[in-house]
Amino acid sequence: REEYEHEEFSIGGINIPVTDIPEQAERLQDYGNVDLVLYCRSGNRSGMAQKILAVQFDMHNTINLKGGMNAWKEAGLPPAP
């Protein structure tokens, strides 16, 4: 997500905009085989990030949060403290 989106509503974690994924992939690979949940506003950009990580960096330990923050909010779930 973009920084302003992350500031408006966040569920925590590391914020990496999809355009920065190639430069940050090594940082994400440091997490090893731990499942990484990717999320954005609607699930589209995080889906693109998931594909970039899989195709370009052979990372298959990612989960795209379906519906993103829109679905999170609609479900009535709170932001991170």
Protein backbone atom coordinates (compact mmCIF):
# COMPACT_ATOMS: atom_id res chain seq x y z
CA ARG A 1 0.00 0.00 0.00
CA GLU A 2 1.05 3.55 -0.44
CA GLU A 3 2.28 5.27 2.72
CA TYR A 4 -0.81 7.49 3.03
CA GLU A 5 -3.07 4.42 2.83
CA HIS A 6 -1.05 2.68 5.50
CA GLU A 7 -1.32 5.73 7.73
CA GLU A 8 -5.10 5.94 7.25
CA PHE A 9 -5.77 2.31 8.19
CA SER A 10 -3.31 -0.43 9.04
CA ILE A 11 -3.44 -3.95 10.39
CA GLY A 12 0.28 -3.86 11.10
CA GLY A 13 3.21 -5.50 9.42
CA ILE A 14 5.76 -4.06 7.04
CA ASN A 15 4.45 -1.58 4.50
CA ILE A 16 6.02 -2.08 1.06
CA PRO A 17 4.28 -0.49 -1.94
CA VAL A 18 4.00 -2.87 -4.91
CA THR A 19 6.37 -0.69 -6.94
CA ASP A 20 9.07 -1.30 -4.33
CA ILE A 21 8.71 -5.10 -4.27
CA PRO A 22 11.72 -5.81 -6.55
CA GLU A 23 14.02 -3.75 -4.34
CA GLN A 24 12.60 -5.28 -1.15
CA ALA A 25 12.41 -8.95 -2.23
CA GLU A 26 15.66 -9.91 -0.52
CA ARG A 27 14.34 -8.43 2.73
CA LEU A 28 11.22 -10.56 2.38
CA GLN A 29 13.23 -13.68 1.56
CA ASP A 30 14.91 -13.31 4.95
CA TYR A 31 11.63 -14.54 6.48
CA GLY A 32 12.31 -17.98 5.00
CA ASN A 33 9.33 -20.30 4.67
CA VAL A 34 7.04 -18.32 6.98
CA ASP A 35 3.79 -17.46 5.21
CA LEU A 36 3.65 -13.76 4.31
CA VAL A 37 0.22 -12.15 4.10
CA LEU A 38 0.08 -9.48 1.41
CA TYR A 39 -2.63 -6.86 1.52
CA CYS A 40 -3.67 -3.62 -0.15
CA ARG A 41 -6.89 -1.63 -0.38
CA SER A 42 -8.83 -4.10 -2.53
CA GLY A 43 -6.57 -7.12 -3.09
CA ASN A 44 -5.50 -6.20 -6.63
CA ARG A 45 -2.07 -4.70 -5.97
CA SER A 46 -1.26 -7.36 -3.39
CA GLY A 47 -2.19 -9.95 -6.02
CA MET A 48 0.30 -8.32 -8.39
CA ALA A 49 2.93 -8.35 -5.63
CA GLN A 50 2.24 -12.04 -5.05
CA LYS A 51 2.82 -12.78 -8.75
CA ILE A 52 6.01 -10.70 -8.85
CA LEU A 53 7.40 -12.53 -5.82
CA ALA A 54 6.50 -15.94 -7.28
CA VAL A 55 7.70 -15.40 -10.85
CA GLN A 56 10.72 -13.16 -10.38
CA PHE A 57 11.95 -14.34 -6.98
CA ASP A 58 10.59 -17.91 -6.69
CA MET A 59 8.77 -17.04 -3.47
CA HIS A 60 5.65 -19.16 -3.00
CA ASN A 61 5.05 -18.58 0.72
CA THR A 62 2.66 -15.66 0.19
CA ILE A 63 -1.05 -15.29 0.82
CA ASN A 64 -3.10 -12.52 -0.80
CA LEU A 65 -5.70 -11.12 1.60
CA LYS A 66 -8.79 -11.40 -0.59
CA GLY A 67 -10.68 -8.11 -0.73
CA GLY A 68 -7.88 -6.27 1.08
CA MET A 69 -8.59 -3.53 3.57
CA ASN A 70 -12.02 -2.89 2.05
CA ALA A 71 -13.12 -6.41 3.03
CA TRP A 72 -11.37 -6.11 6.40
CA LYS A 73 -13.33 -2.96 7.22
CA GLU A 74 -16.62 -4.39 5.89
CA ALA A 75 -16.16 -7.35 8.23
CA GLY A 76 -15.97 -4.87 11.11
CA LEU A 77 -12.41 -5.83 12.01
CA PRO A 78 -10.32 -3.19 13.79
CA PRO A 79 -7.04 -1.62 12.69
CA ALA A 80 -3.82 -2.47 14.47
CA PRO A 81 -3.38 -0.75 17.84
